[in-house]
C-alpha atoms as a PDB file:
ATOM      1  CA  UNK A   1     -49.377 -13.994   1.637  1.00  0.00           C
ATOM      2  CA  UNK A   2     -52.813 -14.921   0.310  1.00  0.00           C
ATOM      3  CA  UNK A   3     -53.039 -16.057  -3.286  1.00  0.00           C
ATOM      4  CA  UNK A   4     -55.743 -14.823  -5.619  1.00  0.00           C
ATOM      5  CA  UNK A   5     -58.036 -17.277  -7.360  1.00  0.00           C
ATOM      6  CA  UNK A   6     -56.135 -16.726 -10.621  1.00  0.00           C
ATOM      7  CA  UNK A   7     -52.774 -17.343  -8.937  1.00  0.00           C
ATOM      8  CA  UNK A   8     -54.106 -20.578  -7.475  1.00  0.00           C
ATOM      9  CA  UNK A   9     -55.413 -21.629 -10.916  1.00  0.00           C
ATOM     10  CA  UNK A  10     -51.998 -21.041 -12.449  1.00  0.00           C
ATOM     11  CA  UNK A  11     -50.404 -23.442  -9.964  1.00  0.00           C
ATOM     12  CA  UNK A  12     -52.696 -26.372 -10.843  1.00  0.00           C
ATOM     13  CA  UNK A  13     -50.871 -27.606 -13.949  1.00  0.00           C
ATOM     14  CA  UNK A  14     -47.340 -27.570 -12.523  1.00  0.00           C
ATOM     15  CA  UNK A  15     -48.585 -29.339  -9.405  1.00  0.00           C
ATOM     16  CA  UNK A  16     -50.463 -32.170 -11.130  1.00  0.00           C
ATOM     17  CA  UNK A  17     -47.803 -32.615 -13.815  1.00  0.00           C
ATOM     18  CA  UNK A  18     -45.138 -33.178 -11.159  1.00  0.00           C
ATOM     19  CA  UNK A  19     -43.689 -36.621 -10.461  1.00  0.00           C
ATOM     20  CA  UNK A  20     -44.509 -36.184  -6.768  1.00  0.00           C
ATOM     21  CA  UNK A  21     -48.216 -35.743  -7.563  1.00  0.00           C
ATOM     22  CA  UNK A  22     -48.430 -38.489 -10.168  1.00  0.00           C
ATOM     23  CA  UNK A  23     -46.586 -40.968  -7.932  1.00  0.00           C
ATOM     24  CA  UNK A  24     -48.166 -39.844  -4.641  1.00  0.00           C
ATOM     25  CA  UNK A  25     -44.719 -39.145  -3.191  1.00  0.00           C
ATOM     26  CA  UNK A  26     -44.329 -37.470   0.158  1.00  0.00           C
ATOM     27  CA  UNK A  27     -47.796 -38.365   1.410  1.00  0.00           C
ATOM     28  CA  UNK A  28     -46.720 -40.743   4.178  1.00  0.00           C
ATOM     29  CA  UNK A  29     -48.398 -43.794   2.602  1.00  0.00           C
ATOM     30  CA  UNK A  30     -51.673 -41.903   2.217  1.00  0.00           C
ATOM     31  CA  UNK A  31     -53.632 -42.350  -0.973  1.00  0.00           C
ATOM     32  CA  UNK A  32     -53.244 -39.510  -3.493  1.00  0.00           C
ATOM     33  CA  UNK A  33     -56.606 -37.781  -3.106  1.00  0.00           C
ATOM     34  CA  UNK A  34     -56.523 -34.038  -3.697  1.00  0.00           C
ATOM     35  CA  UNK A  35     -59.114 -31.285  -3.568  1.00  0.00           C
ATOM     36  CA  UNK A  36     -58.959 -27.934  -5.293  1.00  0.00           C
ATOM     37  CA  UNK A  37     -61.501 -25.832  -3.467  1.00  0.00           C
ATOM     38  CA  UNK A  38     -62.605 -22.551  -4.976  1.00  0.00           C
ATOM     39  CA  UNK A  39     -65.192 -19.812  -4.478  1.00  0.00           C
ATOM     40  CA  UNK A  40     -68.562 -21.117  -5.739  1.00  0.00           C
ATOM     41  CA  UNK A  41     -69.227 -17.840  -7.527  1.00  0.00           C
ATOM     42  CA  UNK A  42     -66.206 -18.627  -9.760  1.00  0.00           C
ATOM     43  CA  UNK A  43     -67.755 -21.880 -11.032  1.00  0.00           C
ATOM     44  CA  UNK A  44     -67.888 -20.819 -14.693  1.00  0.00           C
ATOM     45  CA  UNK A  45     -64.286 -19.583 -14.605  1.00  0.00           C
ATOM     46  CA  UNK A  46     -63.242 -22.870 -13.014  1.00  0.00           C
ATOM     47  CA  UNK A  47     -65.031 -24.978 -15.634  1.00  0.00           C
ATOM     48  CA  UNK A  48     -63.481 -22.967 -18.457  1.00  0.00           C
ATOM     49  CA  UNK A  49     -59.979 -23.242 -16.997  1.00  0.00           C
ATOM     50  CA  UNK A  50     -60.360 -26.953 -16.332  1.00  0.00           C
ATOM     51  CA  UNK A  51     -61.591 -27.877 -19.815  1.00  0.00           C
ATOM     52  CA  UNK A  52     -59.608 -25.426 -21.952  1.00  0.00           C
ATOM     53  CA  UNK A  53     -56.357 -25.362 -20.032  1.00  0.00           C
ATOM     54  CA  UNK A  54     -55.820 -28.203 -17.577  1.00  0.00           C
ATOM     55  CA  UNK A  55     -57.215 -31.179 -19.488  1.00  0.00           C
ATOM     56  CA  UNK A  56     -56.052 -29.937 -22.882  1.00  0.00           C
ATOM     57  CA  UNK A  57     -52.480 -29.348 -21.723  1.00  0.00           C
ATOM     58  CA  UNK A  58     -52.179 -32.559 -19.725  1.00  0.00           C
ATOM     59  CA  UNK A  59     -53.113 -34.647 -22.734  1.00  0.00           C
ATOM     60  CA  UNK A  60     -50.663 -32.704 -24.959  1.00  0.00           C
ATOM     61  CA  UNK A  61     -47.754 -32.804 -22.513  1.00  0.00           C
ATOM     62  CA  UNK A  62     -44.659 -34.828 -23.348  1.00  0.00           C
ATOM     63  CA  UNK A  63     -44.877 -37.527 -22.296  1.00  0.00           C
ATOM     64  CA  UNK A  64     -48.674 -37.280 -22.275  1.00  0.00           C
ATOM     65  CA  UNK A  65     -50.346 -37.369 -18.888  1.00  0.00           C
ATOM     66  CA  UNK A  66     -53.442 -39.466 -19.380  1.00  0.00           C
ATOM     67  CA  UNK A  67     -56.117 -37.512 -17.553  1.00  0.00           C
ATOM     68  CA  UNK A  68     -59.686 -38.735 -17.311  1.00  0.00           C
ATOM     69  CA  UNK A  69     -62.195 -36.063 -16.293  1.00  0.00           C
ATOM     70  CA  UNK A  70     -65.634 -37.074 -15.026  1.00  0.00           C
ATOM     71  CA  UNK A  71     -68.398 -34.509 -14.677  1.00  0.00           C
ATOM     72  CA  UNK A  72     -70.432 -35.861 -11.769  1.00  0.00           C
ATOM     73  CA  UNK A  73     -73.671 -34.245 -12.951  1.00  0.00           C
ATOM     74  CA  UNK A  74     -73.281 -35.846 -16.386  1.00  0.00           C
ATOM     75  CA  UNK A  75     -72.607 -39.153 -14.632  1.00  0.00           C
ATOM     76  CA  UNK A  76     -75.867 -38.877 -12.662  1.00  0.00           C
ATOM     77  CA  UNK A  77     -77.797 -38.101 -15.870  1.00  0.00           C
ATOM     78  CA  UNK A  78     -76.118 -41.026 -17.653  1.00  0.00           C
ATOM     79  CA  UNK A  79     -77.051 -43.455 -14.870  1.00  0.00           C
ATOM     80  CA  UNK A  80     -80.662 -42.258 -14.896  1.00  0.00           C
ATOM     81  CA  UNK A  81     -80.849 -42.538 -18.689  1.00  0.00           C
ATOM     82  CA  UNK A  82     -79.357 -46.044 -18.645  1.00  0.00           C
ATOM     83  CA  UNK A  83     -82.013 -47.093 -16.154  1.00  0.00           C
ATOM     84  CA  UNK A  84     -84.718 -45.266 -18.170  1.00  0.00           C
ATOM     85  CA  UNK A  85     -85.500 -43.146 -15.115  1.00  0.00           C
ATOM     86  CA  UNK A  86     -84.612 -39.623 -16.223  1.00  0.00           C
ATOM     87  CA  UNK A  87     -88.039 -38.587 -17.561  1.00  0.00           C
ATOM     88  CA  UNK A  88     -89.784 -40.264 -14.631  1.00  0.00           C
ATOM     89  CA  UNK A  89     -87.468 -38.504 -12.185  1.00  0.00           C
ATOM     90  CA  UNK A  90     -88.127 -35.112 -13.759  1.00  0.00           C
ATOM     91  CA  UNK A  91     -91.875 -35.698 -13.629  1.00  0.00           C
ATOM     92  CA  UNK A  92     -91.741 -36.936 -10.037  1.00  0.00           C
ATOM     93  CA  UNK A  93     -89.729 -33.905  -8.963  1.00  0.00           C
ATOM     94  CA  UNK A  94     -92.249 -31.621 -10.670  1.00  0.00           C
ATOM     95  CA  UNK A  95     -95.316 -33.274  -9.138  1.00  0.00           C
ATOM     96  CA  UNK A  96     -94.088 -34.555  -5.762  1.00  0.00           C
ATOM     97  CA  UNK A  97     -91.160 -32.296  -4.946  1.00  0.00           C
ATOM     98  CA  UNK A  98     -87.506 -32.550  -4.043  1.00  0.00           C
ATOM     99  CA  UNK A  99     -87.796 -34.776  -0.980  1.00  0.00           C
ATOM    100  CA  UNK A 100     -89.776 -37.412  -2.862  1.00  0.00           C
ATOM    101  CA  UNK A 101     -87.361 -37.582  -5.780  1.00  0.00           C
ATOM    102  CA  UNK A 102     -84.297 -37.659  -3.532  1.00  0.00           C
ATOM    103  CA  UNK A 103     -85.773 -40.550  -1.577  1.00  0.00           C
ATOM    104  CA  UNK A 104     -86.744 -42.421  -4.743  1.00  0.00           C
ATOM    105  CA  UNK A 105     -83.343 -41.996  -6.408  1.00  0.00           C
ATOM    106  CA  UNK A 106     -81.213 -42.787  -3.361  1.00  0.00           C
ATOM    107  CA  UNK A 107     -80.956 -46.547  -4.123  1.00  0.00           C
ATOM    108  CA  UNK A 108     -80.095 -45.850  -7.771  1.00  0.00           C
ATOM    109  CA  UNK A 109     -77.446 -43.212  -7.038  1.00  0.00           C
ATOM    110  CA  UNK A 110     -75.649 -44.878  -4.138  1.00  0.00           C
ATOM    111  CA  UNK A 111     -72.097 -43.599  -4.002  1.00  0.00           C
ATOM    112  CA  UNK A 112     -70.521 -47.065  -3.850  1.00  0.00           C
ATOM    113  CA  UNK A 113     -72.212 -47.993  -7.144  1.00  0.00           C
ATOM    114  CA  UNK A 114     -71.192 -44.679  -8.704  1.00  0.00           C
ATOM    115  CA  UNK A 115     -67.600 -45.171  -7.517  1.00  0.00           C
ATOM    116  CA  UNK A 116     -67.436 -48.518  -9.296  1.00  0.00           C
ATOM    117  CA  UNK A 117     -68.852 -46.930 -12.446  1.00  0.00           C
ATOM    118  CA  UNK A 118     -66.318 -44.087 -12.319  1.00  0.00           C
ATOM    119  CA  UNK A 119     -63.409 -46.506 -11.948  1.00  0.00           C
ATOM    120  CA  UNK A 120     -64.682 -48.620 -14.850  1.00  0.00           C
ATOM    121  CA  UNK A 121     -65.142 -45.518 -17.028  1.00  0.00           C
ATOM    122  CA  UNK A 122     -61.677 -44.209 -16.169  1.00  0.00           C
ATOM    123  CA  UNK A 123     -59.889 -47.459 -16.957  1.00  0.00           C
ATOM    124  CA  UNK A 124     -57.310 -46.982 -14.223  1.00  0.00           C
ATOM    125  CA  UNK A 125     -54.702 -49.076 -16.052  1.00  0.00           C
ATOM    126  CA  UNK A 126     -54.615 -46.379 -18.732  1.00  0.00           C
ATOM    127  CA  UNK A 127     -55.168 -43.353 -16.500  1.00  0.00           C
ATOM    128  CA  UNK A 128     -52.500 -41.220 -14.813  1.00  0.00           C
ATOM    129  CA  UNK A 129     -54.918 -38.947 -12.950  1.00  0.00           C
ATOM    130  CA  UNK A 130     -58.674 -39.000 -12.379  1.00  0.00           C
ATOM    131  CA  UNK A 131     -60.337 -35.591 -12.247  1.00  0.00           C
ATOM    132  CA  UNK A 132     -63.819 -35.156 -10.777  1.00  0.00           C
ATOM    133  CA  UNK A 133     -65.832 -31.990 -11.286  1.00  0.00           C
ATOM    134  CA  UNK A 134     -69.489 -30.912 -11.500  1.00  0.00           C
ATOM    135  CA  UNK A 135     -69.855 -31.376  -7.730  1.00  0.00           C
ATOM    136  CA  UNK A 136     -72.220 -28.429  -7.241  1.00  0.00           C
ATOM    137  CA  UNK A 137     -74.470 -29.438 -10.129  1.00  0.00           C
ATOM    138  CA  UNK A 138     -74.801 -32.993  -8.817  1.00  0.00           C
ATOM    139  CA  UNK A 139     -75.812 -31.864  -5.320  1.00  0.00           C
ATOM    140  CA  UNK A 140     -77.997 -33.037  -3.550  1.00  0.00           C
ATOM    141  CA  UNK A 141     -78.287 -36.189  -5.648  1.00  0.00           C
ATOM    142  CA  UNK A 142     -74.703 -37.086  -4.824  1.00  0.00           C
ATOM    143  CA  UNK A 143     -72.697 -36.543  -1.635  1.00  0.00           C
ATOM    144  CA  UNK A 144     -69.028 -36.015  -2.403  1.00  0.00           C
ATOM    145  CA  UNK A 145     -67.571 -37.057   0.942  1.00  0.00           C
ATOM    146  CA  UNK A 146     -69.363 -40.411   0.652  1.00  0.00           C
ATOM    147  CA  UNK A 147     -68.242 -40.801  -2.970  1.00  0.00           C
ATOM    148  CA  UNK A 148     -64.620 -40.113  -2.029  1.00  0.00           C
ATOM    149  CA  UNK A 149     -64.813 -42.686   0.750  1.00  0.00           C
ATOM    150  CA  UNK A 150     -66.237 -45.233  -1.709  1.00  0.00           C
ATOM    151  CA  UNK A 151     -63.429 -44.499  -4.195  1.00  0.00           C
ATOM    152  CA  UNK A 152     -60.613 -45.001  -1.662  1.00  0.00           C
ATOM    153  CA  UNK A 153     -60.368 -48.795  -1.891  1.00  0.00           C
ATOM    154  CA  UNK A 154     -60.811 -48.752  -5.681  1.00  0.00           C
ATOM    155  CA  UNK A 155     -58.255 -46.203  -6.888  1.00  0.00           C
ATOM    156  CA  UNK A 156     -55.023 -48.066  -6.220  1.00  0.00           C
ATOM    157  CA  UNK A 157     -52.060 -45.749  -6.890  1.00  0.00           C
ATOM    158  CA  UNK A 158     -53.906 -43.489  -9.341  1.00  0.00           C
ATOM    159  CA  UNK A 159     -54.189 -39.956  -7.958  1.00  0.00           C
ATOM    160  CA  UNK A 160     -57.613 -38.329  -7.821  1.00  0.00           C
ATOM    161  CA  UNK A 161     -58.275 -34.592  -8.009  1.00  0.00           C
ATOM    162  CA  UNK A 162     -61.698 -33.173  -7.173  1.00  0.00           C
ATOM    163  CA  UNK A 163     -62.656 -29.612  -8.049  1.00  0.00           C
ATOM    164  CA  UNK A 164     -64.868 -28.437  -5.210  1.00  0.00           C
ATOM    165  CA  UNK A 165     -67.070 -25.300  -5.170  1.00  0.00           C
ATOM    166  CA  UNK A 166     -66.793 -24.380  -1.533  1.00  0.00           C
ATOM    167  CA  UNK A 167     -64.312 -24.808   1.259  1.00  0.00           C
ATOM    168  CA  UNK A 168     -62.037 -27.664   2.236  1.00  0.00           C
ATOM    169  CA  UNK A 169     -59.823 -27.050   5.238  1.00  0.00           C
ATOM    170  CA  UNK A 170     -58.180 -30.471   5.338  1.00  0.00           C
ATOM    171  CA  UNK A 171     -60.809 -31.848   7.734  1.00  0.00           C
ATOM    172  CA  UNK A 172     -64.215 -30.990   6.388  1.00  0.00           C
ATOM    173  CA  UNK A 173     -65.997 -30.053   3.182  1.00  0.00           C
ATOM    174  CA  UNK A 174     -68.396 -27.126   3.146  1.00  0.00           C
ATOM    175  CA  UNK A 175     -70.249 -27.066  -0.185  1.00  0.00           C
ATOM    176  CA  UNK A 176     -71.002 -23.573  -1.515  1.00  0.00           C
ATOM    177  CA  UNK A 177     -69.441 -22.226   1.727  1.00  0.00           C
ATOM    178  CA  UNK A 178     -72.943 -22.467   3.187  1.00  0.00           C
ATOM    179  CA  UNK A 179     -74.096 -26.023   3.701  1.00  0.00           C
ATOM    180  CA  UNK A 180     -73.279 -27.900   6.864  1.00  0.00           C
ATOM    181  CA  UNK A 181     -69.859 -29.425   7.037  1.00  0.00           C
ATOM    182  CA  UNK A 182     -69.244 -32.991   5.945  1.00  0.00           C
ATOM    183  CA  UNK A 183     -66.198 -34.333   7.712  1.00  0.00           C
ATOM    184  CA  UNK A 184     -63.664 -35.783   5.347  1.00  0.00           C
ATOM    185  CA  UNK A 185     -59.997 -35.771   6.224  1.00  0.00           C
ATOM    186  CA  UNK A 186     -58.368 -38.193   3.819  1.00  0.00           C
ATOM    187  CA  UNK A 187     -57.565 -35.716   1.062  1.00  0.00           C
ATOM    188  CA  UNK A 188     -55.015 -32.956   0.682  1.00  0.00           C
ATOM    189  CA  UNK A 189     -55.614 -29.419  -0.522  1.00  0.00           C
ATOM    190  CA  UNK A 190     -54.006 -29.121  -3.945  1.00  0.00           C
ATOM    191  CA  UNK A 191     -53.178 -25.404  -3.715  1.00  0.00           C
ATOM    192  CA  UNK A 192     -53.511 -23.597  -0.392  1.00  0.00           C
ATOM    193  CA  UNK A 193     -54.701 -20.005  -0.395  1.00  0.00           C
ATOM    194  CA  UNK A 194     -51.570 -18.786   1.368  1.00  0.00           C
ATOM    195  CA  UNK A 195     -47.985 -19.604   0.450  1.00  0.00           C
END
């Protein structure tokens, strides 16, 4: 039986608060990377549920589950501001177009560098779960399959959950259900559509 979007949302908290999730049990020695894929048109509902319900309740649970949530778009803006490139990037995009700005920012926004920054921000020693969101807003400045690959050797035993506006079938990511597939098969779907 297919689950509705709301039914899938309501299963997020019990799943990520479970010992199996937090300790990556039952994954056959695979790293605890999870993806919650959802219809892109439900982005605002997803953001609201994530910030008001998931993060708030995890941090208030007993014992508290130390969740660190990173908005990938905010991360991109932060990196550009730190490098004093944000205003220049906006102007370049306006005058030279998308291709020029993407090419110019590629060395600054390399996923391996961003992965290291995310891990440092999260403080994995004091983090029970790392949550990534803002994927759609950060596209095309950031490619999620490459970021996930860069995070693999850095995460240790800390589980990672990415909220993904599109489709993940266990083998490939399809952003917005429209863009070409990026093959990525090292994560698990958090909540399948059918149970």
